[in-house]
Amino acid sequence: MATSPIPATVSKTGISFTVQVDYIKRECFISNEALQKLADRKGFDGTPEAAFRAMEPAITGVARRMVHARVGGTPLLLNPDTFH
């Protein structure tokens, strides 16, 4: 079953989005540098927003695991080091 895209806000430096784990909603931010690192790994060429949408399940999965692990920060920051 396909899921609908989560709402996301694009800025010059990255993309903001929200994930929910159980009853916890967390604001998240993935930097353009992190998106580029993921896109390069996957051979994806496109805008940061297109990269986010193409890899959304993996990105939100990482964010959810970070919430579950109680990683701090508001917003929860996903940077290039998050994806090693």
Protein backbone atom coordinates (compact mmCIF):
# COMPACT_ATOMS: atom_id res chain seq x y z
CA MET A 1 0.00 0.00 0.00
CA ALA A 2 1.46 3.38 -1.01
CA THR A 3 1.56 6.17 1.50
CA SER A 4 0.98 9.81 0.73
CA PRO A 5 3.95 12.16 0.96
CA ILE A 6 4.44 13.88 4.27
CA PRO A 7 4.19 17.67 4.33
CA ALA A 8 7.62 19.21 3.92
CA THR A 9 8.93 22.77 3.81
CA VAL A 10 11.77 23.56 1.44
CA SER A 11 14.33 26.24 2.34
CA LYS A 12 17.67 27.30 0.87
CA THR A 13 19.54 25.08 3.33
CA GLY A 14 17.37 21.95 3.45
CA ILE A 15 13.95 20.48 4.09
CA SER A 16 11.85 20.52 7.26
CA PHE A 17 9.39 17.73 7.95
CA THR A 18 7.65 16.01 10.87
CA VAL A 19 7.69 12.39 11.95
CA GLN A 20 5.57 10.68 14.56
CA VAL A 21 6.72 7.81 16.76
CA ASP A 22 3.95 6.49 18.96
CA TYR A 23 2.50 9.70 20.42
CA ILE A 24 5.61 11.80 19.90
CA LYS A 25 5.69 14.24 16.98
CA ARG A 26 9.12 15.65 16.16
CA GLU A 27 10.09 18.42 13.82
CA CYS A 28 13.03 17.34 11.68
CA PHE A 29 15.41 19.03 9.28
CA ILE A 30 17.58 17.38 6.65
CA SER A 31 20.32 19.55 5.20
CA ASN A 32 20.93 19.89 1.49
CA GLU A 33 24.40 18.40 2.09
CA ALA A 34 22.85 15.26 3.60
CA LEU A 35 20.40 15.04 0.70
CA GLN A 36 23.28 15.38 -1.76
CA LYS A 37 25.24 12.62 -0.01
CA LEU A 38 22.25 10.28 -0.24
CA ALA A 39 21.53 11.26 -3.84
CA ASP A 40 25.15 10.60 -4.84
CA ARG A 41 25.00 7.14 -3.26
CA LYS A 42 21.82 6.29 -5.15
CA GLY A 43 22.89 7.88 -8.42
CA PHE A 44 20.00 10.33 -8.21
CA ASP A 45 20.22 13.65 -10.02
CA GLY A 46 17.63 16.30 -9.26
CA THR A 47 16.56 19.04 -6.89
CA PRO A 48 16.84 18.63 -3.12
CA GLU A 49 13.05 18.33 -2.89
CA ALA A 50 12.99 15.64 -5.58
CA ALA A 51 15.79 13.80 -3.78
CA PHE A 52 13.84 14.02 -0.51
CA ARG A 53 10.71 12.63 -2.16
CA ALA A 54 12.64 9.87 -3.93
CA MET A 55 14.29 8.76 -0.68
CA GLU A 56 11.52 9.78 1.73
CA PRO A 57 10.93 6.31 3.23
CA ALA A 58 14.63 5.90 4.07
CA ILE A 59 14.96 9.47 5.41
CA THR A 60 11.86 9.32 7.59
CA GLY A 61 12.87 5.84 8.76
CA VAL A 62 16.20 7.19 9.99
CA ALA A 63 14.43 10.12 11.66
CA ARG A 64 12.00 7.77 13.41
CA ARG A 65 14.86 5.61 14.69
CA MET A 66 16.56 8.76 16.01
CA VAL A 67 13.35 9.76 17.83
CA HIS A 68 13.03 6.25 19.26
CA ALA A 69 16.67 6.47 20.44
CA ARG A 70 15.80 9.80 22.12
CA VAL A 71 18.28 11.85 20.11
CA GLY A 72 17.90 15.46 21.22
CA GLY A 73 17.59 18.70 19.35
CA THR A 74 14.81 20.83 17.99
CA PRO A 75 14.49 20.38 15.16
CA LEU A 76 16.00 16.92 14.97
CA LEU A 77 18.90 17.46 12.60
CA LEU A 78 19.81 14.98 9.88
CA ASN A 79 23.17 16.00 8.45
CA PRO A 80 25.68 14.19 6.23
CA ASP A 81 27.20 12.40 9.25
CA THR A 82 23.78 10.90 10.04
CA PHE A 83 24.08 8.77 6.89
CA HIS A 84 27.42 6.96 7.07
